[in-house]
Amino acid sequence: MFMVIDGLDASGKSTQALQLSKFFTAEGKTVCLRFHPSDDNLFGVKASQFLRSRGRSAHFASALFYMADVIHSILLYAWQNYDYVIFVRYLMGTAYLPSPLHIIAYNFFALFVPKSSLMFFLDTSPSEAYRRIHQTRKNQEMFESLNELRKVRVKALSLALIGKWTIIDANKSTEEVGRGIRKLLAMR
């Protein structure tokens, strides 16, 4: 089963994916968990480097390397024989592109990449995401200012509606969000 967990920076994507992986593994299931940008290939490494840079060219470079990283993961991992394949960050990386390019890029990539009925967008208010970032991180990426989080959230929510994502309120506690995701999975 292919599953995606996406959302703003500090929305809890990695936390929820790790909890799901542990939950499935405890049930005797095999899990492939992929985080983007990843650190095991040039595309992901370059995306991470550009995310810590500033300027318009770094903005575009981070988005392009990010998308190449996701495609790399799809080609190598999405079709392997696991009970669950969980991607953290997927199509919503296009929300970081300038308008209206974010819509064009989303629709273009959505034509070619696998989709699932288990695509969760963890919706966190920009102020809560910003609070979490400052609480847990030493270095900020270029999109982690309050203003950037506001802009990206608007674009990401519009893409989530286009792509029929399941939107989850991630302003709640980690435990509440996890229970909500597992409840939705049990209903499918």
C-alpha atoms as a PDB file:
ATOM      1  CA  MET A   1       0.000   0.000   0.000  1.00  0.00           C
ATOM      2  CA  PHE A   2       1.379   3.384  -1.024  1.00  0.00           C
ATOM      3  CA  MET A   3       0.886   6.252   1.408  1.00  0.00           C
ATOM      4  CA  VAL A   4       1.973   9.895   1.499  1.00  0.00           C
ATOM      5  CA  ILE A   5       2.319  12.239   4.459  1.00  0.00           C
ATOM      6  CA  ASP A   6       2.866  15.851   3.500  1.00  0.00           C
ATOM      7  CA  GLY A   7       2.453  19.302   5.009  1.00  0.00           C
ATOM      8  CA  LEU A   8       4.208  22.513   5.950  1.00  0.00           C
ATOM      9  CA  ASP A   9       7.578  22.499   7.629  1.00  0.00           C
ATOM     10  CA  ALA A  10       7.124  21.432  11.285  1.00  0.00           C
ATOM     11  CA  SER A  11       3.638  20.019  10.696  1.00  0.00           C
ATOM     12  CA  GLY A  12       4.669  16.664  12.153  1.00  0.00           C
ATOM     13  CA  LYS A  13       5.170  14.711   8.922  1.00  0.00           C
ATOM     14  CA  SER A  14       8.275  12.823  10.018  1.00  0.00           C
ATOM     15  CA  THR A  15       6.902  12.170  13.490  1.00  0.00           C
ATOM     16  CA  GLN A  16       3.663  10.716  12.138  1.00  0.00           C
ATOM     17  CA  ALA A  17       5.448   8.656   9.476  1.00  0.00           C
ATOM     18  CA  LEU A  18       7.815   7.170  12.065  1.00  0.00           C
ATOM     19  CA  GLN A  19       4.891   6.360  14.366  1.00  0.00           C
ATOM     20  CA  LEU A  20       3.000   4.690  11.517  1.00  0.00           C
ATOM     21  CA  SER A  21       6.076   2.705  10.558  1.00  0.00           C
ATOM     22  CA  LYS A  22       6.438   1.456  14.142  1.00  0.00           C
ATOM     23  CA  PHE A  23       2.724   0.656  14.306  1.00  0.00           C
ATOM     24  CA  PHE A  24       2.786  -1.367  11.058  1.00  0.00           C
ATOM     25  CA  THR A  25       6.026  -3.122  11.988  1.00  0.00           C
ATOM     26  CA  ALA A  26       4.517  -4.133  15.349  1.00  0.00           C
ATOM     27  CA  GLU A  27       1.687  -5.734  13.360  1.00  0.00           C
ATOM     28  CA  GLY A  28       4.259  -7.786  11.432  1.00  0.00           C
ATOM     29  CA  LYS A  29       4.099  -5.678   8.265  1.00  0.00           C
ATOM     30  CA  THR A  30       7.066  -4.590   6.170  1.00  0.00           C
ATOM     31  CA  VAL A  31       7.522  -0.861   5.664  1.00  0.00           C
ATOM     32  CA  CYS A  32       9.615   1.281   3.336  1.00  0.00           C
ATOM     33  CA  LEU A  33       9.855   4.811   4.692  1.00  0.00           C
ATOM     34  CA  ARG A  34      11.261   7.581   2.451  1.00  0.00           C
ATOM     35  CA  PHE A  35      11.883  11.142   3.618  1.00  0.00           C
ATOM     36  CA  HIS A  36      12.351  14.017   1.176  1.00  0.00           C
ATOM     37  CA  PRO A  37      14.677  15.626   0.670  1.00  0.00           C
ATOM     38  CA  SER A  38      16.635  12.441   1.288  1.00  0.00           C
ATOM     39  CA  ASP A  39      20.295  12.227   2.183  1.00  0.00           C
ATOM     40  CA  ASP A  40      21.218   9.092   0.225  1.00  0.00           C
ATOM     41  CA  ASN A  41      21.426  10.596  -3.269  1.00  0.00           C
ATOM     42  CA  LEU A  42      22.757  13.706  -4.980  1.00  0.00           C
ATOM     43  CA  PHE A  43      19.291  15.153  -5.701  1.00  0.00           C
ATOM     44  CA  GLY A  44      18.221  15.141  -2.057  1.00  0.00           C
ATOM     45  CA  VAL A  45      21.566  16.405  -0.800  1.00  0.00           C
ATOM     46  CA  LYS A  46      21.513  19.296  -3.293  1.00  0.00           C
ATOM     47  CA  ALA A  47      17.876  20.121  -2.433  1.00  0.00           C
ATOM     48  CA  SER A  48      18.847  20.355   1.251  1.00  0.00           C
ATOM     49  CA  GLN A  49      21.837  22.554   0.459  1.00  0.00           C
ATOM     50  CA  PHE A  50      19.765  24.972  -1.594  1.00  0.00           C
ATOM     51  CA  LEU A  51      17.046  25.083   1.091  1.00  0.00           C
ATOM     52  CA  ARG A  52      19.630  26.544   3.444  1.00  0.00           C
ATOM     53  CA  SER A  53      20.636  29.170   0.870  1.00  0.00           C
ATOM     54  CA  ARG A  54      18.948  32.430  -0.026  1.00  0.00           C
ATOM     55  CA  GLY A  55      17.851  34.044  -3.255  1.00  0.00           C
ATOM     56  CA  ARG A  56      15.641  33.345  -6.224  1.00  0.00           C
ATOM     57  CA  SER A  57      18.065  30.960  -7.943  1.00  0.00           C
ATOM     58  CA  ALA A  58      18.402  28.905  -4.723  1.00  0.00           C
ATOM     59  CA  HIS A  59      14.596  28.859  -4.491  1.00  0.00           C
ATOM     60  CA  PHE A  60      14.234  27.326  -7.955  1.00  0.00           C
ATOM     61  CA  ALA A  61      17.212  25.012  -7.531  1.00  0.00           C
ATOM     62  CA  SER A  62      15.852  23.635  -4.251  1.00  0.00           C
ATOM     63  CA  ALA A  63      12.477  22.913  -5.884  1.00  0.00           C
ATOM     64  CA  LEU A  64      14.014  21.234  -8.945  1.00  0.00           C
ATOM     65  CA  PHE A  65      16.383  19.050  -6.937  1.00  0.00           C
ATOM     66  CA  TYR A  66      13.564  18.204  -4.540  1.00  0.00           C
ATOM     67  CA  MET A  67      11.336  17.008  -7.390  1.00  0.00           C
ATOM     68  CA  ALA A  68      14.225  14.980  -8.856  1.00  0.00           C
ATOM     69  CA  ASP A  69      14.746  13.432  -5.413  1.00  0.00           C
ATOM     70  CA  VAL A  70      11.091  12.375  -5.204  1.00  0.00           C
ATOM     71  CA  ILE A  71      11.218  10.898  -8.713  1.00  0.00           C
ATOM     72  CA  HIS A  72      14.406   9.035  -7.737  1.00  0.00           C
ATOM     73  CA  SER A  73      12.563   7.533  -4.740  1.00  0.00           C
ATOM     74  CA  ILE A  74       9.582   6.563  -6.869  1.00  0.00           C
ATOM     75  CA  LEU A  75      11.787   4.765  -9.373  1.00  0.00           C
ATOM     76  CA  LEU A  76      13.757   2.908  -6.718  1.00  0.00           C
ATOM     77  CA  TYR A  77      11.325   2.277  -3.886  1.00  0.00           C
ATOM     78  CA  ALA A  78       7.645   2.778  -4.716  1.00  0.00           C
ATOM     79  CA  TRP A  79       7.363  -0.521  -6.552  1.00  0.00           C
ATOM     80  CA  GLN A  80       9.356  -2.748  -4.208  1.00  0.00           C
ATOM     81  CA  ASN A  81       7.641  -5.536  -2.359  1.00  0.00           C
ATOM     82  CA  TYR A  82       6.646  -3.986   0.985  1.00  0.00           C
ATOM     83  CA  ASP A  83       3.321  -4.078   2.756  1.00  0.00           C
ATOM     84  CA  TYR A  84       3.512  -0.283   3.133  1.00  0.00           C
ATOM     85  CA  VAL A  85       5.525   2.338   1.274  1.00  0.00           C
ATOM     86  CA  ILE A  86       5.352   5.693   3.063  1.00  0.00           C
ATOM     87  CA  PHE A  87       6.668   8.850   1.416  1.00  0.00           C
ATOM     88  CA  VAL A  88       7.197  11.923   3.565  1.00  0.00           C
ATOM     89  CA  ARG A  89       6.873  14.971   1.345  1.00  0.00           C
ATOM     90  CA  TYR A  90       5.727  14.304  -2.155  1.00  0.00           C
ATOM     91  CA  LEU A  91       3.753  16.506  -4.534  1.00  0.00           C
ATOM     92  CA  MET A  92       3.324  19.360  -2.062  1.00  0.00           C
ATOM     93  CA  GLY A  93       6.925  20.377  -2.643  1.00  0.00           C
ATOM     94  CA  THR A  94       5.531  22.182  -5.679  1.00  0.00           C
ATOM     95  CA  ALA A  95       3.741  24.613  -3.305  1.00  0.00           C
ATOM     96  CA  TYR A  96       7.129  26.190  -2.653  1.00  0.00           C
ATOM     97  CA  LEU A  97       7.345  27.373  -6.257  1.00  0.00           C
ATOM     98  CA  PRO A  98       6.117  30.879  -7.150  1.00  0.00           C
ATOM     99  CA  SER A  99       2.491  31.303  -8.282  1.00  0.00           C
ATOM    100  CA  PRO A 100       1.149  30.174 -10.731  1.00  0.00           C
ATOM    101  CA  LEU A 101       4.102  27.879 -11.438  1.00  0.00           C
ATOM    102  CA  HIS A 102       3.192  25.809  -8.356  1.00  0.00           C
ATOM    103  CA  ILE A 103      -0.118  24.752  -9.969  1.00  0.00           C
ATOM    104  CA  ILE A 104       1.487  23.949 -13.314  1.00  0.00           C
ATOM    105  CA  ALA A 105       4.239  21.887 -11.666  1.00  0.00           C
ATOM    106  CA  TYR A 106       1.764  20.074  -9.400  1.00  0.00           C
ATOM    107  CA  ASN A 107      -0.515  19.121 -12.289  1.00  0.00           C
ATOM    108  CA  PHE A 108       2.429  18.095 -14.463  1.00  0.00           C
ATOM    109  CA  PHE A 109       3.972  15.805 -11.845  1.00  0.00           C
ATOM    110  CA  ALA A 110       0.567  14.478 -10.783  1.00  0.00           C
ATOM    111  CA  LEU A 111       0.167  13.082 -14.304  1.00  0.00           C
ATOM    112  CA  PHE A 112       3.194  10.826 -13.900  1.00  0.00           C
ATOM    113  CA  VAL A 113       3.689   9.908 -10.261  1.00  0.00           C
ATOM    114  CA  PRO A 114       1.721   7.245  -8.409  1.00  0.00           C
ATOM    115  CA  LYS A 115      -1.207   8.526  -6.408  1.00  0.00           C
ATOM    116  CA  SER A 116      -3.063   6.926  -3.556  1.00  0.00           C
ATOM    117  CA  SER A 117      -6.271   7.260  -1.625  1.00  0.00           C
ATOM    118  CA  LEU A 118      -3.930   7.507   1.384  1.00  0.00           C
ATOM    119  CA  MET A 119      -2.433  10.942   0.765  1.00  0.00           C
ATOM    120  CA  PHE A 120      -2.539  12.961   3.979  1.00  0.00           C
ATOM    121  CA  PHE A 121      -1.866  16.684   4.207  1.00  0.00           C
ATOM    122  CA  LEU A 122      -1.044  17.676   7.785  1.00  0.00           C
ATOM    123  CA  ASP A 123      -2.438  21.192   8.038  1.00  0.00           C
ATOM    124  CA  THR A 124      -0.705  23.331  10.626  1.00  0.00           C
ATOM    125  CA  SER A 125      -1.292  27.019  11.111  1.00  0.00           C
ATOM    126  CA  PRO A 126       1.730  29.081  10.091  1.00  0.00           C
ATOM    127  CA  SER A 127       2.054  30.466  13.629  1.00  0.00           C
ATOM    128  CA  GLU A 128       2.115  26.954  15.136  1.00  0.00           C
ATOM    129  CA  ALA A 129       4.610  25.736  12.524  1.00  0.00           C
ATOM    130  CA  TYR A 130       6.795  28.772  13.202  1.00  0.00           C
ATOM    131  CA  ARG A 131       6.631  28.144  16.956  1.00  0.00           C
ATOM    132  CA  ARG A 132       7.666  24.508  16.466  1.00  0.00           C
ATOM    133  CA  ILE A 133      10.519  25.474  14.142  1.00  0.00           C
ATOM    134  CA  HIS A 134      11.961  27.888  16.687  1.00  0.00           C
ATOM    135  CA  GLN A 135      11.490  25.387  19.473  1.00  0.00           C
ATOM    136  CA  THR A 136      13.254  22.486  17.751  1.00  0.00           C
ATOM    137  CA  ARG A 137      15.699  23.771  15.115  1.00  0.00           C
ATOM    138  CA  LYS A 138      18.989  25.589  15.257  1.00  0.00           C
ATOM    139  CA  ASN A 139      19.061  26.615  11.574  1.00  0.00           C
ATOM    140  CA  GLN A 140      16.134  27.767   9.494  1.00  0.00           C
ATOM    141  CA  GLU A 141      15.562  26.961   5.851  1.00  0.00           C
ATOM    142  CA  MET A 142      14.559  29.664   3.375  1.00  0.00           C
ATOM    143  CA  PHE A 143      10.833  28.868   3.629  1.00  0.00           C
ATOM    144  CA  GLU A 144      10.616  28.796   7.420  1.00  0.00           C
ATOM    145  CA  SER A 145       9.810  32.434   8.146  1.00  0.00           C
ATOM    146  CA  LEU A 146       6.290  33.224   9.293  1.00  0.00           C
ATOM    147  CA  ASN A 147       5.563  35.108   6.069  1.00  0.00           C
ATOM    148  CA  GLU A 148       6.817  32.236   3.861  1.00  0.00           C
ATOM    149  CA  LEU A 149       4.867  29.666   5.898  1.00  0.00           C
ATOM    150  CA  ARG A 150       1.694  31.713   5.346  1.00  0.00           C
ATOM    151  CA  LYS A 151       2.249  31.908   1.582  1.00  0.00           C
ATOM    152  CA  VAL A 152       3.129  28.233   1.203  1.00  0.00           C
ATOM    153  CA  ARG A 153       0.157  27.099   3.298  1.00  0.00           C
ATOM    154  CA  VAL A 154      -2.323  28.924   1.055  1.00  0.00           C
ATOM    155  CA  LYS A 155      -0.803  27.340  -2.050  1.00  0.00           C
ATOM    156  CA  ALA A 156      -0.516  23.875  -0.466  1.00  0.00           C
ATOM    157  CA  LEU A 157      -4.140  23.869   0.695  1.00  0.00           C
ATOM    158  CA  SER A 158      -5.306  24.836  -2.794  1.00  0.00           C
ATOM    159  CA  LEU A 159      -3.253  21.939  -4.210  1.00  0.00           C
ATOM    160  CA  ALA A 160      -4.603  19.563  -1.565  1.00  0.00           C
ATOM    161  CA  LEU A 161      -8.131  20.334  -2.741  1.00  0.00           C
ATOM    162  CA  ILE A 162      -7.194  19.796  -6.394  1.00  0.00           C
ATOM    163  CA  GLY A 163      -5.514  16.486  -5.611  1.00  0.00           C
ATOM    164  CA  LYS A 164      -8.217  15.211  -3.268  1.00  0.00           C
ATOM    165  CA  TRP A 165      -5.855  14.867  -0.319  1.00  0.00           C
ATOM    166  CA  THR A 166      -7.175  14.046   3.127  1.00  0.00           C
ATOM    167  CA  ILE A 167      -6.550  17.198   5.161  1.00  0.00           C
ATOM    168  CA  ILE A 168      -5.786  16.579   8.831  1.00  0.00           C
ATOM    169  CA  ASP A 169      -5.684  19.241  11.538  1.00  0.00           C
ATOM    170  CA  ALA A 170      -2.086  18.945  12.746  1.00  0.00           C
ATOM    171  CA  ASN A 171      -2.347  21.746  15.292  1.00  0.00           C
ATOM    172  CA  LYS A 172      -3.430  19.027  17.717  1.00  0.00           C
ATOM    173  CA  SER A 173      -1.115  16.931  19.836  1.00  0.00           C
ATOM    174  CA  THR A 174       1.070  14.298  18.185  1.00  0.00           C
ATOM    175  CA  GLU A 175      -1.034  11.569  19.792  1.00  0.00           C
ATOM    176  CA  GLU A 176      -4.341  13.022  18.567  1.00  0.00           C
ATOM    177  CA  VAL A 177      -3.046  13.406  15.017  1.00  0.00           C
ATOM    178  CA  GLY A 178      -1.696   9.832  15.044  1.00  0.00           C
ATOM    179  CA  ARG A 179      -5.001   8.419  16.315  1.00  0.00           C
ATOM    180  CA  GLY A 180      -6.827  10.353  13.601  1.00  0.00           C
ATOM    181  CA  ILE A 181      -4.608   8.954  10.858  1.00  0.00           C
ATOM    182  CA  ARG A 182      -4.905   5.379  12.156  1.00  0.00           C
ATOM    183  CA  LYS A 183      -8.688   5.789  12.391  1.00  0.00           C
ATOM    184  CA  LEU A 184      -8.824   6.900   8.762  1.00  0.00           C
ATOM    185  CA  LEU A 185      -6.640   3.950   7.750  1.00  0.00           C
ATOM    186  CA  ALA A 186      -8.916   1.509   9.579  1.00  0.00           C
ATOM    187  CA  MET A 187     -11.894   2.832   7.611  1.00  0.00           C
ATOM    188  CA  ARG A 188     -10.268   2.055   4.231  1.00  0.00           C
END
